Amino acid sequence: MKNSFLFLCLLCAFQLHAQQQINAGMFGTLEARQLGPGTMSGRISAIVGVPTDSKILYVGTAGGGVWKSTNAGASYKSMFDKYCQSIGAIAVNPKNPNIVFVGTGESNMRNSVSIGNGLYKSTDAGDNWKMIGLDSTEHISKIIIHPTNPDILYVAVPGPLWSDSKHRGLYKS
């Protein structure tokens, strides 16, 4: 059954190819575009939506930074190119979705894990970022914004994954 399906797909592809003539005009509108993380650590490590707009998503990757979609995931724009590309956590303020927090340093224990350099905040929906602390923690695994007081943050920090650390713990802003 599997072989029959593969043969049928190949036959259809050959038929379509035989009917079209390939020429330079077919490639005239092609442009280079960002494809996202292409490294061994290119997996998604954090994803969060904006509660007040279901079309806005932020995606953090283990080795490719933060990406934002404003069209429910149909396309993405890189939002964090100037900063650490290893992302562990993302949080959006539910009362003000322009405020976004990113914790760097993926915390999935594996052979290709990369360290981060702290916690970042954006007040303009990801267009600009400012480092706000936790620069010695190496890995941030979760950011929770207090449900009734968005000025309070809880940040879970496993710290260095392969050794003890005085920076490991739960932080409260």
Protein backbone atom coordinates (compact mmCIF):
# COMPACT_ATOMS: atom_id res chain seq x y z
CA MET A 1 0.00 0.00 0.00
CA LYS A 2 2.77 2.41 0.98
CA ASN A 3 4.73 1.64 -2.20
CA SER A 4 1.62 2.08 -4.34
CA PHE A 5 0.99 5.51 -2.82
CA LEU A 6 4.59 6.57 -3.40
CA PHE A 7 4.43 5.36 -7.02
CA LEU A 8 1.18 7.27 -7.57
CA CYS A 9 2.72 10.48 -6.15
CA LEU A 10 5.79 10.12 -8.34
CA LEU A 11 3.64 9.48 -11.41
CA CYS A 12 1.54 12.61 -10.73
CA ALA A 13 4.66 14.71 -10.20
CA PHE A 14 6.16 13.43 -13.45
CA GLN A 15 2.94 14.20 -15.35
CA LEU A 16 2.83 17.76 -13.99
CA HIS A 17 6.51 18.30 -14.74
CA ALA A 18 6.11 16.98 -18.28
CA GLN A 19 3.29 19.47 -18.97
CA GLN A 20 5.25 22.55 -17.83
CA GLN A 21 8.26 24.01 -19.53
CA ILE A 22 10.79 25.50 -17.18
CA ASN A 23 12.28 28.83 -18.21
CA ALA A 24 14.06 31.80 -16.61
CA GLY A 25 10.80 33.77 -16.35
CA MET A 26 9.49 31.32 -13.75
CA PHE A 27 12.25 32.39 -11.34
CA GLY A 28 12.13 36.16 -11.94
CA THR A 29 10.10 36.97 -8.82
CA LEU A 30 11.99 34.73 -6.40
CA GLU A 31 13.57 36.57 -3.46
CA ALA A 32 15.72 35.51 -0.54
CA ARG A 33 13.82 35.30 2.74
CA GLN A 34 14.49 34.32 6.33
CA LEU A 35 13.59 30.73 7.05
CA GLY A 36 14.15 30.80 10.77
CA PRO A 37 16.63 28.85 12.79
CA GLY A 38 18.68 26.43 10.74
CA THR A 39 21.10 25.22 13.38
CA MET A 40 21.08 21.96 15.27
CA SER A 41 19.37 23.83 18.10
CA GLY A 42 16.61 25.18 15.87
CA ARG A 43 13.72 23.76 17.82
CA ILE A 44 10.91 25.83 19.37
CA SER A 45 11.49 26.34 23.09
CA ALA A 46 8.74 28.86 23.92
CA ILE A 47 5.50 29.99 22.33
CA VAL A 48 2.91 32.47 23.58
CA GLY A 49 -0.11 34.22 22.12
CA VAL A 50 -1.56 37.62 22.89
CA PRO A 51 -4.81 37.14 24.85
CA THR A 52 -6.51 40.18 23.29
CA ASP A 53 -5.52 39.37 19.68
CA SER A 54 -5.49 35.72 18.68
CA LYS A 55 -3.55 36.48 15.50
CA ILE A 56 -0.40 37.62 17.34
CA LEU A 57 2.10 34.93 18.37
CA TYR A 58 5.63 35.08 19.74
CA VAL A 59 7.85 32.04 19.20
CA GLY A 60 11.19 31.52 20.93
CA THR A 61 13.71 29.10 19.52
CA ALA A 62 16.60 27.25 21.06
CA GLY A 63 19.11 28.76 18.67
CA GLY A 64 17.30 31.26 16.43
CA GLY A 65 15.94 34.03 18.64
CA VAL A 66 12.37 35.33 18.88
CA TRP A 67 9.91 35.41 15.99
CA LYS A 68 6.57 37.24 15.83
CA SER A 69 3.51 36.55 13.71
CA THR A 70 0.67 39.03 13.34
CA ASN A 71 -1.37 36.80 11.00
CA ALA A 72 -1.96 33.67 13.09
CA GLY A 73 1.27 31.99 12.04
CA ALA A 74 1.05 32.43 8.27
CA SER A 75 4.33 34.38 8.34
CA TYR A 76 6.88 35.43 10.95
CA LYS A 77 9.31 38.30 11.48
CA SER A 78 12.52 38.01 13.48
CA MET A 79 12.31 40.29 16.55
CA PHE A 80 15.48 39.57 18.53
CA ASP A 81 18.43 39.52 16.11
CA LYS A 82 20.64 41.88 18.16
CA TYR A 83 20.48 39.73 21.29
CA CYS A 84 21.12 36.22 22.56
CA GLN A 85 19.55 33.67 20.20
CA SER A 86 18.96 30.96 22.79
CA ILE A 87 15.44 31.50 24.19
CA GLY A 88 13.98 29.76 27.22
CA ALA A 89 10.74 31.63 27.96
CA ILE A 90 8.41 34.36 26.69
CA ALA A 91 5.55 36.14 28.48
CA VAL A 92 3.10 38.81 27.32
CA ASN A 93 1.49 41.18 29.80
CA PRO A 94 -2.24 40.35 29.63
CA LYS A 95 -3.27 43.90 30.58
CA ASN A 96 -0.86 45.58 28.15
CA PRO A 97 0.18 43.30 25.26
CA ASN A 98 2.84 45.80 24.17
CA ILE A 99 4.88 44.64 27.18
CA VAL A 100 6.72 41.42 26.36
CA PHE A 101 9.37 39.59 28.42
CA VAL A 102 11.96 37.19 27.03
CA GLY A 103 14.13 34.92 29.15
CA THR A 104 17.25 33.75 27.36
CA GLY A 105 18.95 30.39 27.67
CA GLU A 106 16.98 27.36 26.60
CA SER A 107 16.51 25.02 29.55
CA ASN A 108 15.85 21.70 27.81
CA MET A 109 18.67 19.45 29.00
CA ARG A 110 20.29 18.05 25.87
CA ASN A 111 23.66 17.91 24.17
CA SER A 112 23.15 21.07 22.09
CA VAL A 113 21.69 23.41 24.70
CA SER A 114 22.97 27.01 24.64
CA ILE A 115 23.24 29.42 27.55
CA GLY A 116 21.54 32.79 27.73
CA ASN A 117 22.47 36.15 29.16
CA GLY A 118 19.42 37.28 31.10
CA LEU A 119 15.91 38.68 31.04
CA TYR A 120 14.73 41.22 28.46
CA LYS A 121 11.70 43.49 28.29
CA SER A 122 9.99 45.24 25.39
CA THR A 123 7.40 47.99 25.87
CA ASP A 124 6.59 48.30 22.16
CA ALA A 125 5.45 44.78 21.24
CA GLY A 126 8.94 43.50 20.47
CA ASP A 127 10.34 46.27 18.29
CA ASN A 128 12.94 47.27 20.92
CA TRP A 129 14.39 45.38 23.88
CA LYS A 130 16.14 46.26 27.11
CA MET A 131 17.99 43.84 29.35
CA ILE A 132 16.48 44.02 32.84
CA GLY A 133 18.53 41.51 34.82
CA LEU A 134 19.32 37.90 35.70
CA ASP A 135 22.42 38.08 33.52
CA SER A 136 24.28 35.34 35.44
CA THR A 137 21.53 32.73 35.41
CA GLU A 138 22.40 31.05 32.05
CA HIS A 139 18.95 29.48 31.58
CA ILE A 140 15.44 30.86 32.17
CA SER A 141 12.68 28.28 31.84
CA LYS A 142 9.47 30.16 32.69
CA ILE A 143 8.15 33.69 33.17
CA ILE A 144 4.78 34.22 34.86
CA ILE A 145 3.12 37.62 35.12
CA HIS A 146 0.95 37.98 38.24
CA PRO A 147 -2.72 37.76 37.14
CA THR A 148 -3.96 40.81 39.06
CA ASN A 149 -0.78 42.88 39.36
CA PRO A 150 1.20 42.85 36.08
CA ASP A 151 4.08 44.70 37.79
CA ILE A 152 4.95 41.44 39.59
CA LEU A 153 6.93 38.80 37.67
CA TYR A 154 7.90 35.29 38.69
CA VAL A 155 10.88 33.88 36.82
CA ALA A 156 11.95 30.22 37.11
CA VAL A 157 15.70 29.77 36.70
CA PRO A 158 17.33 26.34 36.61
CA GLY A 159 20.71 28.04 36.28
CA PRO A 160 23.61 26.09 34.81
CA LEU A 161 22.18 22.74 33.72
CA TRP A 162 25.24 20.62 34.48
CA SER A 163 26.51 22.11 37.75
CA ASP A 164 25.42 23.71 41.01
CA SER A 165 24.71 27.42 41.06
CA LYS A 166 23.77 30.09 43.58
CA HIS A 167 21.61 31.63 40.81
CA ARG A 168 19.21 28.67 40.59
CA GLY A 169 15.71 29.31 41.93
CA LEU A 170 12.46 31.22 41.62
CA TYR A 171 12.78 35.00 41.34
CA LYS A 172 10.08 37.56 42.06
CA SER A 173 10.29 41.12 40.79
